[in-house]
Amino acid sequence: MYAIDGRVKKVNGVEVETFRRFVEEGKAVLEAEAGTTGFKGGGCRMAGGRFFLCIDSVNGDFLFKPVLDKDEKCVGVMIAGSGDDALNAILKALGFCLEALADQCAGAND
């Protein structure tokens, strides 16, 4: 089993409870954090839910790079890695983030 820490982040002025864990696979270590308010019934920025997702490389052969549009605005992120440990670590980190977000969305509808 692995330890999970709870935190609170602000996304556009709204507090979002997040969950964080370290993913270790061989020498590849990632810090994964995700959380959401769940769905709020609005598709726009002001009425809809909020979410936060962060994956940090603590150790390993990873490249994280912003994707920029023609105006140099960050519109995405590119992630690359080398080695089976890096591949397993990113799979586990993304899986954790997906589970954290999905669980909070399901819990918000209870």
PDB file of N, CA and C in Angstrom:
ATOM      1  N   MET A   1       0.844  -1.181   0.000  1.00  0.00           N
ATOM      2  CA  MET A   1       0.000   0.000   0.000  1.00  0.00           C
ATOM      3  C   MET A   1       0.886   1.239   0.000  1.00  0.00           C
ATOM      4  N   TYR A   2       0.364   2.345  -0.425  1.00  0.00           N
ATOM      5  CA  TYR A   2       1.137   3.568  -0.488  1.00  0.00           C
ATOM      6  C   TYR A   2       0.421   4.667   0.284  1.00  0.00           C
ATOM      7  N   ALA A   3       1.186   5.642   0.741  1.00  0.00           N
ATOM      8  CA  ALA A   3       0.631   6.750   1.516  1.00  0.00           C
ATOM      9  C   ALA A   3       0.039   7.799   0.587  1.00  0.00           C
ATOM     10  N   ILE A   4      -1.095   8.320   0.999  1.00  0.00           N
ATOM     11  CA  ILE A   4      -1.755   9.394   0.251  1.00  0.00           C
ATOM     12  C   ILE A   4      -1.934  10.582   1.186  1.00  0.00           C
ATOM     13  N   ASP A   5      -1.515  11.753   0.735  1.00  0.00           N
ATOM     14  CA  ASP A   5      -1.683  12.993   1.489  1.00  0.00           C
ATOM     15  C   ASP A   5      -2.837  13.782   0.903  1.00  0.00           C
ATOM     16  N   GLY A   6      -3.570  14.469   1.746  1.00  0.00           N
ATOM     17  CA  GLY A   6      -4.609  15.377   1.276  1.00  0.00           C
ATOM     18  C   GLY A   6      -4.116  16.812   1.332  1.00  0.00           C
ATOM     19  N   ARG A   7      -4.542  17.594   0.370  1.00  0.00           N
ATOM     20  CA  ARG A   7      -4.186  19.009   0.305  1.00  0.00           C
ATOM     21  C   ARG A   7      -5.381  19.793  -0.211  1.00  0.00           C
ATOM     22  N   VAL A   8      -5.235  21.109  -0.221  1.00  0.00           N
ATOM     23  CA  VAL A   8      -6.255  21.978  -0.818  1.00  0.00           C
ATOM     24  C   VAL A   8      -5.547  22.937  -1.760  1.00  0.00           C
ATOM     25  N   LYS A   9      -6.048  23.032  -2.981  1.00  0.00           N
ATOM     26  CA  LYS A   9      -5.533  23.988  -3.974  1.00  0.00           C
ATOM     27  C   LYS A   9      -6.676  24.924  -4.354  1.00  0.00           C
ATOM     28  N   LYS A  10      -6.336  26.118  -4.817  1.00  0.00           N
ATOM     29  CA  LYS A  10      -7.352  27.029  -5.341  1.00  0.00           C
ATOM     30  C   LYS A  10      -7.269  27.056  -6.850  1.00  0.00           C
ATOM     31  N   VAL A  11      -8.412  26.838  -7.501  1.00  0.00           N
ATOM     32  CA  VAL A  11      -8.500  26.890  -8.956  1.00  0.00           C
ATOM     33  C   VAL A  11      -9.540  27.948  -9.302  1.00  0.00           C
ATOM     34  N   ASN A  12      -9.097  29.054  -9.873  1.00  0.00           N
ATOM     35  CA  ASN A  12      -9.973  30.183 -10.203  1.00  0.00           C
ATOM     36  C   ASN A  12     -10.823  30.600  -9.010  1.00  0.00           C
ATOM     37  N   GLY A  13     -10.180  30.703  -7.839  1.00  0.00           N
ATOM     38  CA  GLY A  13     -10.832  31.182  -6.637  1.00  0.00           C
ATOM     39  C   GLY A  13     -11.656  30.153  -5.877  1.00  0.00           C
ATOM     40  N   VAL A  14     -11.721  28.924  -6.354  1.00  0.00           N
ATOM     41  CA  VAL A  14     -12.508  27.871  -5.709  1.00  0.00           C
ATOM     42  C   VAL A  14     -11.559  26.845  -5.098  1.00  0.00           C
ATOM     43  N   GLU A  15     -11.798  26.490  -3.828  1.00  0.00           N
ATOM     44  CA  GLU A  15     -10.968  25.484  -3.174  1.00  0.00           C
ATOM     45  C   GLU A  15     -11.290  24.095  -3.707  1.00  0.00           C
ATOM     46  N   VAL A  16     -10.223  23.347  -3.980  1.00  0.00           N
ATOM     47  CA  VAL A  16     -10.338  21.984  -4.497  1.00  0.00           C
ATOM     48  C   VAL A  16      -9.521  21.079  -3.583  1.00  0.00           C
ATOM     49  N   GLU A  17     -10.148  20.043  -3.037  1.00  0.00           N
ATOM     50  CA  GLU A  17      -9.432  19.062  -2.237  1.00  0.00           C
ATOM     51  C   GLU A  17      -8.676  18.144  -3.186  1.00  0.00           C
ATOM     52  N   THR A  18      -7.376  17.971  -2.935  1.00  0.00           N
ATOM     53  CA  THR A  18      -6.558  17.108  -3.789  1.00  0.00           C
ATOM     54  C   THR A  18      -5.964  15.966  -2.968  1.00  0.00           C
ATOM     55  N   PHE A  19      -5.555  14.936  -3.695  1.00  0.00           N
ATOM     56  CA  PHE A  19      -4.895  13.791  -3.101  1.00  0.00           C
ATOM     57  C   PHE A  19      -3.560  13.605  -3.807  1.00  0.00           C
ATOM     58  N   ARG A  20      -2.519  13.283  -3.016  1.00  0.00           N
ATOM     59  CA  ARG A  20      -1.163  13.219  -3.557  1.00  0.00           C
ATOM     60  C   ARG A  20      -0.481  11.942  -3.078  1.00  0.00           C
ATOM     61  N   ARG A  21       0.296  11.346  -3.977  1.00  0.00           N
ATOM     62  CA  ARG A  21       1.117  10.197  -3.608  1.00  0.00           C
ATOM     63  C   ARG A  21       2.377  10.187  -4.451  1.00  0.00           C
ATOM     64  N   PHE A  22       3.369   9.476  -3.956  1.00  0.00           N
ATOM     65  CA  PHE A  22       4.592   9.257  -4.708  1.00  0.00           C
ATOM     66  C   PHE A  22       4.494   7.892  -5.371  1.00  0.00           C
ATOM     67  N   VAL A  23       4.839   7.847  -6.639  1.00  0.00           N
ATOM     68  CA  VAL A  23       4.853   6.605  -7.413  1.00  0.00           C
ATOM     69  C   VAL A  23       6.314   6.239  -7.638  1.00  0.00           C
ATOM     70  N   GLU A  24       6.717   5.076  -7.163  1.00  0.00           N
ATOM     71  CA  GLU A  24       8.094   4.618  -7.320  1.00  0.00           C
ATOM     72  C   GLU A  24       8.101   3.325  -8.119  1.00  0.00           C
ATOM     73  N   GLU A  25       8.869   3.324  -9.174  1.00  0.00           N
ATOM     74  CA  GLU A  25       9.017   2.148 -10.032  1.00  0.00           C
ATOM     75  C   GLU A  25      10.495   2.061 -10.383  1.00  0.00           C
ATOM     76  N   GLY A  26      11.231   1.184  -9.688  1.00  0.00           N
ATOM     77  CA  GLY A  26      12.676   1.148  -9.879  1.00  0.00           C
ATOM     78  C   GLY A  26      13.269   2.479  -9.465  1.00  0.00           C
ATOM     79  N   LYS A  27      14.036   3.080 -10.377  1.00  0.00           N
ATOM     80  CA  LYS A  27      14.635   4.385 -10.082  1.00  0.00           C
ATOM     81  C   LYS A  27      13.761   5.554 -10.537  1.00  0.00           C
ATOM     82  N   ALA A  28      12.645   5.250 -11.161  1.00  0.00           N
ATOM     83  CA  ALA A  28      11.722   6.302 -11.598  1.00  0.00           C
ATOM     84  C   ALA A  28      10.763   6.640 -10.449  1.00  0.00           C
ATOM     85  N   VAL A  29      10.718   7.925 -10.091  1.00  0.00           N
ATOM     86  CA  VAL A  29       9.846   8.376  -9.009  1.00  0.00           C
ATOM     87  C   VAL A  29       9.078   9.608  -9.484  1.00  0.00           C
ATOM     88  N   LEU A  30       7.770   9.523  -9.388  1.00  0.00           N
ATOM     89  CA  LEU A  30       6.901  10.642  -9.747  1.00  0.00           C
ATOM     90  C   LEU A  30       6.048  11.018  -8.541  1.00  0.00           C
ATOM     91  N   GLU A  31       5.727  12.296  -8.451  1.00  0.00           N
ATOM     92  CA  GLU A  31       4.759  12.768  -7.464  1.00  0.00           C
ATOM     93  C   GLU A  31       3.486  13.098  -8.235  1.00  0.00           C
ATOM     94  N   ALA A  32       2.389  12.439  -7.883  1.00  0.00           N
ATOM     95  CA  ALA A  32       1.112  12.633  -8.576  1.00  0.00           C
ATOM     96  C   ALA A  32       0.114  13.258  -7.615  1.00  0.00           C
ATOM     97  N   GLU A  33      -0.603  14.284  -8.090  1.00  0.00           N
ATOM     98  CA  GLU A  33      -1.604  14.966  -7.266  1.00  0.00           C
ATOM     99  C   GLU A  33      -2.791  15.316  -8.138  1.00  0.00           C
ATOM    100  N   ALA A  34      -3.998  15.037  -7.642  1.00  0.00           N
ATOM    101  CA  ALA A  34      -5.205  15.349  -8.404  1.00  0.00           C
ATOM    102  C   ALA A  34      -6.372  15.554  -7.454  1.00  0.00           C
ATOM    103  N   GLY A  35      -7.301  16.397  -7.891  1.00  0.00           N
ATOM    104  CA  GLY A  35      -8.520  16.615  -7.131  1.00  0.00           C
ATOM    105  C   GLY A  35      -9.513  17.421  -7.932  1.00  0.00           C
ATOM    106  N   THR A  36     -10.765  17.388  -7.500  1.00  0.00           N
ATOM    107  CA  THR A  36     -11.819  18.109  -8.201  1.00  0.00           C
ATOM    108  C   THR A  36     -12.958  18.452  -7.252  1.00  0.00           C
ATOM    109  N   THR A  37     -13.747  19.422  -7.640  1.00  0.00           N
ATOM    110  CA  THR A  37     -14.988  19.723  -6.925  1.00  0.00           C
ATOM    111  C   THR A  37     -16.096  18.808  -7.410  1.00  0.00           C
ATOM    112  N   GLY A  38     -15.836  18.082  -8.496  1.00  0.00           N
ATOM    113  CA  GLY A  38     -16.888  17.309  -9.146  1.00  0.00           C
ATOM    114  C   GLY A  38     -17.663  18.207 -10.092  1.00  0.00           C
ATOM    115  N   PHE A  39     -18.618  17.616 -10.763  1.00  0.00           N
ATOM    116  CA  PHE A  39     -19.439  18.369 -11.716  1.00  0.00           C
ATOM    117  C   PHE A  39     -20.377  19.296 -10.956  1.00  0.00           C
ATOM    118  N   LYS A  40     -20.544  20.501 -11.479  1.00  0.00           N
ATOM    119  CA  LYS A  40     -21.398  21.494 -10.828  1.00  0.00           C
ATOM    120  C   LYS A  40     -22.559  21.922 -11.709  1.00  0.00           C
ATOM    121  N   GLY A  41     -22.754  21.267 -12.837  1.00  0.00           N
ATOM    122  CA  GLY A  41     -23.910  21.558 -13.670  1.00  0.00           C
ATOM    123  C   GLY A  41     -23.754  22.729 -14.619  1.00  0.00           C
ATOM    124  N   GLY A  42     -22.552  23.212 -14.806  1.00  0.00           N
ATOM    125  CA  GLY A  42     -22.336  24.324 -15.728  1.00  0.00           C
ATOM    126  C   GLY A  42     -21.145  24.047 -16.610  1.00  0.00           C
ATOM    127  N   GLY A  43     -21.271  24.330 -17.866  1.00  0.00           N
ATOM    128  CA  GLY A  43     -20.191  24.062 -18.799  1.00  0.00           C
ATOM    129  C   GLY A  43     -19.176  25.183 -18.891  1.00  0.00           C
ATOM    130  N   CYS A  44     -19.490  26.345 -18.318  1.00  0.00           N
ATOM    131  CA  CYS A  44     -18.586  27.493 -18.452  1.00  0.00           C
ATOM    132  C   CYS A  44     -17.690  27.629 -17.226  1.00  0.00           C
ATOM    133  N   ARG A  45     -16.738  28.496 -17.343  1.00  0.00           N
ATOM    134  CA  ARG A  45     -15.746  28.725 -16.296  1.00  0.00           C
ATOM    135  C   ARG A  45     -16.377  29.133 -14.969  1.00  0.00           C
ATOM    136  N   MET A  46     -17.380  29.973 -14.991  1.00  0.00           N
ATOM    137  CA  MET A  46     -17.950  30.501 -13.756  1.00  0.00           C
ATOM    138  C   MET A  46     -18.906  29.515 -13.069  1.00  0.00           C
ATOM    139  N   ALA A  47     -19.613  28.685 -13.823  1.00  0.00           N
ATOM    140  CA  ALA A  47     -20.643  27.825 -13.232  1.00  0.00           C
ATOM    141  C   ALA A  47     -20.206  26.377 -13.052  1.00  0.00           C
ATOM    142  N   GLY A  48     -19.166  25.970 -13.728  1.00  0.00           N
ATOM    143  CA  GLY A  48     -18.789  24.559 -13.719  1.00  0.00           C
ATOM    144  C   GLY A  48     -17.847  24.180 -12.601  1.00  0.00           C
ATOM    145  N   GLY A  49     -17.555  22.889 -12.536  1.00  0.00           N
ATOM    146  CA  GLY A  49     -16.639  22.358 -11.544  1.00  0.00           C
ATOM    147  C   GLY A  49     -15.205  22.763 -11.829  1.00  0.00           C
ATOM    148  N   ARG A  50     -14.348  22.453 -10.889  1.00  0.00           N
ATOM    149  CA  ARG A  50     -12.927  22.742 -11.011  1.00  0.00           C
ATOM    150  C   ARG A  50     -12.146  21.444 -10.818  1.00  0.00           C
ATOM    151  N   PHE A  51     -10.941  21.390 -11.380  1.00  0.00           N
ATOM    152  CA  PHE A  51     -10.058  20.258 -11.127  1.00  0.00           C
ATOM    153  C   PHE A  51      -8.618  20.717 -11.146  1.00  0.00           C
ATOM    154  N   PHE A  52      -7.763  19.907 -10.520  1.00  0.00           N
ATOM    155  CA  PHE A  52      -6.331  20.159 -10.461  1.00  0.00           C
ATOM    156  C   PHE A  52      -5.643  18.828 -10.701  1.00  0.00           C
ATOM    157  N   LEU A  53      -4.602  18.822 -11.521  1.00  0.00           N
ATOM    158  CA  LEU A  53      -3.823  17.614 -11.790  1.00  0.00           C
ATOM    159  C   LEU A  53      -2.369  18.028 -11.973  1.00  0.00           C
ATOM    160  N   CYS A  54      -1.475  17.362 -11.242  1.00  0.00           N
ATOM    161  CA  CYS A  54      -0.047  17.677 -11.336  1.00  0.00           C
ATOM    162  C   CYS A  54       0.758  16.390 -11.233  1.00  0.00           C
ATOM    163  N   ILE A  55       1.720  16.218 -12.119  1.00  0.00           N
ATOM    164  CA  ILE A  55       2.668  15.110 -12.043  1.00  0.00           C
ATOM    165  C   ILE A  55       4.068  15.710 -12.120  1.00  0.00           C
ATOM    166  N   ASP A  56       4.850  15.495 -11.059  1.00  0.00           N
ATOM    167  CA  ASP A  56       6.225  16.006 -10.981  1.00  0.00           C
ATOM    168  C   ASP A  56       7.207  14.850 -11.042  1.00  0.00           C
ATOM    169  N   SER A  57       8.300  15.051 -11.759  1.00  0.00           N
ATOM    170  CA  SER A  57       9.365  14.050 -11.797  1.00  0.00           C
ATOM    171  C   SER A  57      10.314  14.295 -10.636  1.00  0.00           C
ATOM    172  N   VAL A  58      10.397  13.340  -9.728  1.00  0.00           N
ATOM    173  CA  VAL A  58      11.338  13.399  -8.621  1.00  0.00           C
ATOM    174  C   VAL A  58      12.661  12.778  -9.042  1.00  0.00           C
ATOM    175  N   ASN A  59      12.563  11.682  -9.808  1.00  0.00           N
ATOM    176  CA  ASN A  59      13.752  11.003 -10.314  1.00  0.00           C
ATOM    177  C   ASN A  59      13.356  10.170 -11.527  1.00  0.00           C
ATOM    178  N   GLY A  60      14.279  10.014 -12.448  1.00  0.00           N
ATOM    179  CA  GLY A  60      14.024   9.184 -13.622  1.00  0.00           C
ATOM    180  C   GLY A  60      14.258   9.944 -14.907  1.00  0.00           C
ATOM    181  N   ASP A  61      14.088   9.241 -16.007  1.00  0.00           N
ATOM    182  CA  ASP A  61      14.343   9.795 -17.339  1.00  0.00           C
ATOM    183  C   ASP A  61      13.025  10.266 -17.950  1.00  0.00           C
ATOM    184  N   PHE A  62      12.590  11.465 -17.549  1.00  0.00           N
ATOM    185  CA  PHE A  62      11.341  12.060 -18.025  1.00  0.00           C
ATOM    186  C   PHE A  62      11.615  13.430 -18.632  1.00  0.00           C
ATOM    187  N   LEU A  63      10.783  13.804 -19.579  1.00  0.00           N
ATOM    188  CA  LEU A  63      10.795  15.143 -20.142  1.00  0.00           C
ATOM    189  C   LEU A  63       9.370  15.675 -20.072  1.00  0.00           C
ATOM    190  N   PHE A  64       9.194  16.806 -19.411  1.00  0.00           N
ATOM    191  CA  PHE A  64       7.921  17.507 -19.343  1.00  0.00           C
ATOM    192  C   PHE A  64       8.121  18.847 -20.039  1.00  0.00           C
ATOM    193  N   LYS A  65       7.278  19.130 -21.006  1.00  0.00           N
ATOM    194  CA  LYS A  65       7.473  20.344 -21.807  1.00  0.00           C
ATOM    195  C   LYS A  65       6.120  20.960 -22.135  1.00  0.00           C
ATOM    196  N   PRO A  66       5.990  22.285 -22.009  1.00  0.00           N
ATOM    197  CA  PRO A  66       4.723  22.915 -22.381  1.00  0.00           C
ATOM    198  C   PRO A  66       4.512  22.885 -23.895  1.00  0.00           C
ATOM    199  N   VAL A  67       3.272  22.768 -24.302  1.00  0.00           N
ATOM    200  CA  VAL A  67       2.905  22.877 -25.713  1.00  0.00           C
ATOM    201  C   VAL A  67       2.364  24.298 -25.897  1.00  0.00           C
ATOM    202  N   LEU A  68       2.972  25.042 -26.808  1.00  0.00           N
ATOM    203  CA  LEU A  68       2.612  26.454 -27.023  1.00  0.00           C
ATOM    204  C   LEU A  68       1.898  26.627 -28.349  1.00  0.00           C
ATOM    205  N   ASP A  69       0.924  27.556 -28.374  1.00  0.00           N
ATOM    206  CA  ASP A  69       0.271  27.871 -29.641  1.00  0.00           C
ATOM    207  C   ASP A  69       1.063  28.961 -30.364  1.00  0.00           C
ATOM    208  N   LYS A  70       0.549  29.460 -31.471  1.00  0.00           N
ATOM    209  CA  LYS A  70       1.284  30.450 -32.288  1.00  0.00           C
ATOM    210  C   LYS A  70       1.527  31.756 -31.546  1.00  0.00           C
ATOM    211  N   ASP A  71       0.730  32.019 -30.496  1.00  0.00           N
ATOM    212  CA  ASP A  71       0.895  33.234 -29.701  1.00  0.00           C
ATOM    213  C   ASP A  71       1.738  32.999 -28.443  1.00  0.00           C
ATOM    214  N   GLU A  72       2.381  31.825 -28.383  1.00  0.00           N
ATOM    215  CA  GLU A  72       3.221  31.432 -27.256  1.00  0.00           C
ATOM    216  C   GLU A  72       2.417  31.203 -25.968  1.00  0.00           C
ATOM    217  N   LYS A  73       1.121  30.975 -26.096  1.00  0.00           N
ATOM    218  CA  LYS A  73       0.276  30.642 -24.947  1.00  0.00           C
ATOM    219  C   LYS A  73       0.366  29.136 -24.716  1.00  0.00           C
ATOM    220  N   CYS A  74       0.528  28.750 -23.452  1.00  0.00           N
ATOM    221  CA  CYS A  74       0.598  27.324 -23.113  1.00  0.00           C
ATOM    222  C   CYS A  74      -0.792  26.721 -23.252  1.00  0.00           C
ATOM    223  N   VAL A  75      -0.915  25.730 -24.139  1.00  0.00           N
ATOM    224  CA  VAL A  75      -2.208  25.088 -24.408  1.00  0.00           C
ATOM    225  C   VAL A  75      -2.185  23.589 -24.114  1.00  0.00           C
ATOM    226  N   GLY A  76      -1.069  23.101 -23.581  1.00  0.00           N
ATOM    227  CA  GLY A  76      -0.970  21.677 -23.282  1.00  0.00           C
ATOM    228  C   GLY A  76       0.376  21.347 -22.676  1.00  0.00           C
ATOM    229  N   VAL A  77       0.579  20.063 -22.467  1.00  0.00           N
ATOM    230  CA  VAL A  77       1.845  19.594 -21.923  1.00  0.00           C
ATOM    231  C   VAL A  77       2.233  18.307 -22.641  1.00  0.00           C
ATOM    232  N   MET A  78       3.508  18.181 -22.926  1.00  0.00           N
ATOM    233  CA  MET A  78       4.049  16.986 -23.562  1.00  0.00           C
ATOM    234  C   MET A  78       4.879  16.259 -22.517  1.00  0.00           C
ATOM    235  N   ILE A  79       4.679  14.959 -22.421  1.00  0.00           N
ATOM    236  CA  ILE A  79       5.434  14.143 -21.472  1.00  0.00           C
ATOM    237  C   ILE A  79       6.083  12.998 -22.246  1.00  0.00           C
ATOM    238  N   ALA A  80       7.380  12.820 -22.054  1.00  0.00           N
ATOM    239  CA  ALA A  80       8.101  11.703 -22.666  1.00  0.00           C
ATOM    240  C   ALA A  80       8.970  11.056 -21.587  1.00  0.00           C
ATOM    241  N   GLY A  81       9.237   9.778 -21.752  1.00  0.00           N
ATOM    242  CA  GLY A  81      10.084   9.079 -20.795  1.00  0.00           C
ATOM    243  C   GLY A  81      10.809   7.937 -21.474  1.00  0.00           C
ATOM    244  N   SER A  82      11.871   7.490 -20.848  1.00  0.00           N
ATOM    245  CA  SER A  82      12.648   6.373 -21.378  1.00  0.00           C
ATOM    246  C   SER A  82      12.791   5.307 -20.313  1.00  0.00           C
ATOM    247  N   GLY A  83      12.668   4.060 -20.741  1.00  0.00           N
ATOM    248  CA  GLY A  83      12.850   2.925 -19.851  1.00  0.00           C
ATOM    249  C   GLY A  83      11.526   2.353 -19.370  1.00  0.00           C
ATOM    250  N   ASP A  84      11.548   1.064 -19.071  1.00  0.00           N
ATOM    251  CA  ASP A  84      10.348   0.396 -18.585  1.00  0.00           C
ATOM    252  C   ASP A  84       9.892   0.966 -17.243  1.00  0.00           C
ATOM    253  N   ASP A  85      10.850   1.346 -16.389  1.00  0.00           N
ATOM    254  CA  ASP A  85      10.479   1.930 -15.093  1.00  0.00           C
ATOM    255  C   ASP A  85       9.711   3.236 -15.292  1.00  0.00           C
ATOM    256  N   ALA A  86      10.165   4.066 -16.225  1.00  0.00           N
ATOM    257  CA  ALA A  86       9.479   5.332 -16.497  1.00  0.00           C
ATOM    258  C   ALA A  86       8.074   5.071 -17.043  1.00  0.00           C
ATOM    259  N   LEU A  87       7.940   4.115 -17.938  1.00  0.00           N
ATOM    260  CA  LEU A  87       6.631   3.791 -18.501  1.00  0.00           C
ATOM    261  C   LEU A  87       5.688   3.290 -17.410  1.00  0.00           C
ATOM    262  N   ASN A  88       6.153   2.381 -16.570  1.00  0.00           N
ATOM    263  CA  ASN A  88       5.316   1.881 -15.478  1.00  0.00           C
ATOM    264  C   ASN A  88       4.951   2.988 -14.500  1.00  0.00           C
ATOM    265  N   ALA A  89       5.898   3.862 -14.194  1.00  0.00           N
ATOM    266  CA  ALA A  89       5.634   4.952 -13.248  1.00  0.00           C
ATOM    267  C   ALA A  89       4.575   5.913 -13.790  1.00  0.00           C
ATOM    268  N   ILE A  90       4.661   6.292 -15.066  1.00  0.00           N
ATOM    269  CA  ILE A  90       3.672   7.225 -15.607  1.00  0.00           C
ATOM    270  C   ILE A  90       2.301   6.560 -15.695  1.00  0.00           C
ATOM    271  N   LEU A  91       2.261   5.267 -16.006  1.00  0.00           N
ATOM    272  CA  LEU A  91       0.985   4.553 -16.014  1.00  0.00           C
ATOM    273  C   LEU A  91       0.347   4.571 -14.628  1.00  0.00           C
ATOM    274  N   LYS A  92       1.138   4.299 -13.612  1.00  0.00           N
ATOM    275  CA  LYS A  92       0.618   4.310 -12.241  1.00  0.00           C
ATOM    276  C   LYS A  92       0.202   5.709 -11.803  1.00  0.00           C
ATOM    277  N   ALA A  93       0.990   6.718 -12.160  1.00  0.00           N
ATOM    278  CA  ALA A  93       0.666   8.095 -11.777  1.00  0.00           C
ATOM    279  C   ALA A  93      -0.627   8.562 -12.452  1.00  0.00           C
ATOM    280  N   LEU A  94      -0.767   8.289 -13.743  1.00  0.00           N
ATOM    281  CA  LEU A  94      -1.989   8.672 -14.452  1.00  0.00           C
ATOM    282  C   LEU A  94      -3.201   7.900 -13.928  1.00  0.00           C
ATOM    283  N   GLY A  95      -2.993   6.625 -13.622  1.00  0.00           N
ATOM    284  CA  GLY A  95      -4.070   5.820 -13.053  1.00  0.00           C
ATOM    285  C   GLY A  95      -4.532   6.360 -11.708  1.00  0.00           C
ATOM    286  N   PHE A  96      -3.583   6.764 -10.858  1.00  0.00           N
ATOM    287  CA  PHE A  96      -3.924   7.357  -9.572  1.00  0.00           C
ATOM    288  C   PHE A  96      -4.720   8.644  -9.757  1.00  0.00           C
ATOM    289  N   CYS A  97      -4.257   9.501 -10.674  1.00  0.00           N
ATOM    290  CA  CYS A  97      -4.960  10.765 -10.922  1.00  0.00           C
ATOM    291  C   CYS A  97      -6.371  10.519 -11.446  1.00  0.00           C
ATOM    292  N   LEU A  98      -6.506   9.589 -12.372  1.00  0.00           N
ATOM    293  CA  LEU A  98      -7.827   9.248 -12.907  1.00  0.00           C
ATOM    294  C   LEU A  98      -8.746   8.751 -11.792  1.00  0.00           C
ATOM    295  N   GLU A  99      -8.234   7.874 -10.952  1.00  0.00           N
ATOM    296  CA  GLU A  99      -9.044   7.319  -9.867  1.00  0.00           C
ATOM    297  C   GLU A  99      -9.457   8.402  -8.869  1.00  0.00           C
ATOM    298  N   ALA A 100      -8.531   9.302  -8.527  1.00  0.00           N
ATOM    299  CA  ALA A 100      -8.840  10.382  -7.587  1.00  0.00           C
ATOM    300  C   ALA A 100      -9.947  11.275  -8.142  1.00  0.00           C
ATOM    301  N   LEU A 101      -9.838  11.668  -9.419  1.00  0.00           N
ATOM    302  CA  LEU A 101     -10.847  12.536 -10.025  1.00  0.00           C
ATOM    303  C   LEU A 101     -12.194  11.819 -10.141  1.00  0.00           C
ATOM    304  N   ALA A 102     -12.182  10.571 -10.605  1.00  0.00           N
ATOM    305  CA  ALA A 102     -13.424   9.829 -10.783  1.00  0.00           C
ATOM    306  C   ALA A 102     -14.123   9.586  -9.445  1.00  0.00           C
ATOM    307  N   ASP A 103     -13.359   9.244  -8.419  1.00  0.00           N
ATOM    308  CA  ASP A 103     -13.947   9.015  -7.098  1.00  0.00           C
ATOM    309  C   ASP A 103     -14.601  10.278  -6.549  1.00  0.00           C
ATOM    310  N   GLN A 104     -13.944  11.417  -6.726  1.00  0.00           N
ATOM    311  CA  GLN A 104     -14.514  12.669  -6.234  1.00  0.00           C
ATOM    312  C   GLN A 104     -15.755  13.061  -7.032  1.00  0.00           C
ATOM    313  N   CYS A 105     -15.770  12.783  -8.321  1.00  0.00           N
ATOM    314  CA  CYS A 105     -16.970  13.082  -9.123  1.00  0.00           C
ATOM    315  C   CYS A 105     -18.135  12.196  -8.686  1.00  0.00           C
ATOM    316  N   ALA A 106     -17.852  10.922  -8.434  1.00  0.00           N
ATOM    317  CA  ALA A 106     -18.897  10.003  -7.997  1.00  0.00           C
ATOM    318  C   ALA A 106     -19.400  10.404  -6.611  1.00  0.00           C
ATOM    319  N   GLY A 107     -18.481  10.796  -5.732  1.00  0.00           N
ATOM    320  CA  GLY A 107     -18.863  11.197  -4.384  1.00  0.00           C
ATOM    321  C   GLY A 107     -19.662  12.478  -4.337  1.00  0.00           C
ATOM    322  N   ALA A 108     -19.433  13.370  -5.295  1.00  0.00           N
ATOM    323  CA  ALA A 108     -20.156  14.647  -5.334  1.00  0.00           C
ATOM    324  C   ALA A 108     -21.613  14.427  -5.730  1.00  0.00           C
ATOM    325  N   ASN A 109     -21.903  13.311  -6.381  1.00  0.00           N
ATOM    326  CA  ASN A 109     -23.275  13.032  -6.826  1.00  0.00           C
ATOM    327  C   ASN A 109     -24.056  12.211  -5.811  1.00  0.00           C
ATOM    328  N   ASP A 110     -23.409  11.795  -4.700  1.00  0.00           N
ATOM    329  CA  ASP A 110     -24.098  10.982  -3.685  1.00  0.00           C
ATOM    330  C   ASP A 110     -25.060  11.821  -2.847  1.00  0.00           C
TER     331      ASP A 110
END
